C-alpha atoms as a PDB file:
ATOM      1  CA  MET A   1       0.045   0.003  -0.048  1.00  0.00           C
ATOM      2  CA  LEU A   2       2.816   2.365   0.832  1.00  0.00           C
ATOM      3  CA  ASP A   3       4.527   1.456  -2.477  1.00  0.00           C
ATOM      4  CA  VAL A   4       1.341   2.548  -4.320  1.00  0.00           C
ATOM      5  CA  LEU A   5       1.009   5.891  -2.264  1.00  0.00           C
ATOM      6  CA  ARG A   6       4.832   6.429  -2.777  1.00  0.00           C
ATOM      7  CA  VAL A   7       4.225   6.730  -6.556  1.00  0.00           C
ATOM      8  CA  ARG A   8       1.078   8.922  -6.272  1.00  0.00           C
ATOM      9  CA  ALA A   9      -1.594  10.090  -3.986  1.00  0.00           C
ATOM     10  CA  CYS A  10      -4.762   7.840  -4.337  1.00  0.00           C
ATOM     11  CA  ALA A  11      -8.336   7.500  -3.257  1.00  0.00           C
ATOM     12  CA  VAL A  12      -9.356   4.185  -1.557  1.00  0.00           C
ATOM     13  CA  GLY A  13     -10.958   2.871  -4.778  1.00  0.00           C
ATOM     14  CA  GLU A  14      -7.803   3.448  -6.732  1.00  0.00           C
ATOM     15  CA  ILE A  15      -5.840   1.411  -4.051  1.00  0.00           C
ATOM     16  CA  VAL A  16      -8.431  -1.289  -4.068  1.00  0.00           C
ATOM     17  CA  ASP A  17      -8.058  -1.589  -7.966  1.00  0.00           C
ATOM     18  CA  GLU A  18      -4.271  -1.593  -7.746  1.00  0.00           C
ATOM     19  CA  LEU A  19      -3.882  -4.117  -5.040  1.00  0.00           C
ATOM     20  CA  GLY A  20      -6.963  -6.238  -5.394  1.00  0.00           C
ATOM     21  CA  PHE A  21      -7.932  -5.894  -1.719  1.00  0.00           C
ATOM     22  CA  THR A  22     -11.483  -5.401  -0.541  1.00  0.00           C
ATOM     23  CA  GLN A  23     -12.658  -1.780   0.165  1.00  0.00           C
ATOM     24  CA  PRO A  24     -13.060  -2.619   3.985  1.00  0.00           C
ATOM     25  CA  THR A  25      -9.654  -4.224   4.266  1.00  0.00           C
ATOM     26  CA  THR A  26      -8.032  -1.246   2.349  1.00  0.00           C
ATOM     27  CA  SER A  27      -9.859   1.264   4.616  1.00  0.00           C
ATOM     28  CA  LYS A  28      -8.709  -0.518   7.764  1.00  0.00           C
ATOM     29  CA  HIS A  29      -5.056  -0.577   6.594  1.00  0.00           C
ATOM     30  CA  LEU A  30      -5.271   3.136   5.679  1.00  0.00           C
ATOM     31  CA  ARG A  31      -6.582   3.946   9.062  1.00  0.00           C
ATOM     32  CA  VAL A  32      -3.792   2.088  10.756  1.00  0.00           C
ATOM     33  CA  LEU A  33      -1.170   3.836   8.587  1.00  0.00           C
ATOM     34  CA  ARG A  34      -2.900   7.206   9.174  1.00  0.00           C
ATOM     35  CA  GLU A  35      -3.031   6.622  12.926  1.00  0.00           C
ATOM     36  CA  ALA A  36       0.683   5.800  12.746  1.00  0.00           C
ATOM     37  CA  GLY A  37       1.320   9.010  11.019  1.00  0.00           C
ATOM     38  CA  LEU A  38       2.677   7.443   7.862  1.00  0.00           C
ATOM     39  CA  VAL A  39       0.067   8.653   5.483  1.00  0.00           C
ATOM     40  CA  ARG A  40      -2.021  11.965   5.160  1.00  0.00           C
ATOM     41  CA  VAL A  41      -5.523  12.237   3.952  1.00  0.00           C
ATOM     42  CA  ARG A  42      -7.330  15.201   2.407  1.00  0.00           C
ATOM     43  CA  THR A  43     -10.787  15.620   1.038  1.00  0.00           C
ATOM     44  CA  HIS A  44     -11.334  16.297  -2.563  1.00  0.00           C
ATOM     45  CA  ALA A  45     -15.113  16.703  -3.402  1.00  0.00           C
ATOM     46  CA  GLN A  46     -16.517  13.290  -2.094  1.00  0.00           C
ATOM     47  CA  ARG A  47     -13.305  11.432  -2.164  1.00  0.00           C
ATOM     48  CA  ARG A  48     -10.468  11.064   0.511  1.00  0.00           C
ATOM     49  CA  ILE A  49      -7.124  11.156  -1.129  1.00  0.00           C
ATOM     50  CA  TYR A  50      -4.344   9.421   0.794  1.00  0.00           C
ATOM     51  CA  SER A  51      -0.571  10.169   0.410  1.00  0.00           C
ATOM     52  CA  VAL A  52       2.691   9.241   2.079  1.00  0.00           C
ATOM     53  CA  ASP A  53       3.815  11.721   4.933  1.00  0.00           C
ATOM     54  CA  LEU A  54       7.319  12.236   3.854  1.00  0.00           C
ATOM     55  CA  GLU A  55       8.318  13.900   7.211  1.00  0.00           C
ATOM     56  CA  GLN A  56       7.063  10.937   9.223  1.00  0.00           C
ATOM     57  CA  MET A  57       8.747   8.512   6.819  1.00  0.00           C
ATOM     58  CA  ALA A  58      12.144  10.337   7.321  1.00  0.00           C
ATOM     59  CA  GLU A  59      11.601  10.149  11.154  1.00  0.00           C
ATOM     60  CA  LEU A  60      10.923   6.360  10.872  1.00  0.00           C
ATOM     61  CA  ASP A  61      13.974   6.045   8.633  1.00  0.00           C
ATOM     62  CA  ALA A  62      16.137   7.750  11.215  1.00  0.00           C
ATOM     63  CA  TRP A  63      14.731   5.550  14.008  1.00  0.00           C
ATOM     64  CA  LEU A  64      15.469   2.346  11.950  1.00  0.00           C
ATOM     65  CA  ALA A  65      18.988   3.331  10.994  1.00  0.00           C
ATOM     66  CA  PRO A  66      20.750   1.738  14.235  1.00  0.00           C
ATOM     67  CA  PHE A  67      18.696  -1.493  13.689  1.00  0.00           C
ATOM     68  CA  ARG A  68      19.581  -1.441   9.963  1.00  0.00           C
ATOM     69  CA  GLN A  69      23.329  -1.274  10.870  1.00  0.00           C
ATOM     70  CA  LEU A  70      22.947  -4.053  13.316  1.00  0.00           C
ATOM     71  CA  TRP A  71      21.374  -6.340  10.859  1.00  0.00           C
ATOM     72  CA  ASN A  72      23.860  -5.431   8.134  1.00  0.00           C
ATOM     73  CA  GLU A  73      26.728  -6.301  10.421  1.00  0.00           C
ATOM     74  CA  ARG A  74      25.143  -9.602  11.342  1.00  0.00           C
ATOM     75  CA  LEU A  75      24.277 -10.542   7.743  1.00  0.00           C
ATOM     76  CA  ASP A  76      27.818  -9.761   6.666  1.00  0.00           C
ATOM     77  CA  ALA A  77      29.141 -12.165   9.433  1.00  0.00           C
ATOM     78  CA  LEU A  78      26.837 -14.775   8.294  1.00  0.00           C
ATOM     79  CA  GLY A  79      27.845 -14.395   4.736  1.00  0.00           C
ATOM     80  CA  GLU A  80      31.619 -14.633   5.783  1.00  0.00           C
ATOM     81  CA  HIS A  81      30.790 -17.855   7.776  1.00  0.00           C
ATOM     82  CA  LEU A  82      29.003 -19.400   4.838  1.00  0.00           C
ATOM     83  CA  ASP A  83      31.791 -18.541   2.534  1.00  0.00           C
ATOM     84  CA  ARG A  84      34.335 -20.136   4.926  1.00  0.00           C
ATOM     85  CA  SER A  85      32.165 -23.171   5.389  1.00  0.00           C
ATOM     86  CA  GLU A  86      31.836 -23.570   1.610  1.00  0.00           C
ATOM     87  CA  ASP A  87      35.486 -23.259   1.100  1.00  0.00           C
ATOM     88  CA  GLU A  88      36.163 -25.895   3.880  1.00  0.00           C
ATOM     89  CA  ALA A  89      33.692 -28.353   2.305  1.00  0.00           C
ATOM     90  CA  LYS A  90      35.471 -27.949  -1.099  1.00  0.00           C
ATOM     91  CA  GLY A  91      38.808 -28.795   0.598  1.00  0.00           C
ATOM     92  CA  LYS A  92      40.397 -25.352   0.280  1.00  0.00           C
END
């Protein structure tokens, strides 16, 4: 849903068409994203238009940065271990 909204602002019906979810499911997800502050909503005529809240996404990205670093270090260590194990199995 965020990928769709990242490209362009959409009404609920457009998101339903894009993702194939039901309207109630889409609305529930949008409500959760709105309450989390990740999307904004504005009214245009009878429609509610949703878009990504870039400021909140930047805050989320900053909050995730230390975790991303932690996982990158662990995944790098795992990759090195697997490379060594493969080399040992080949008799190097």
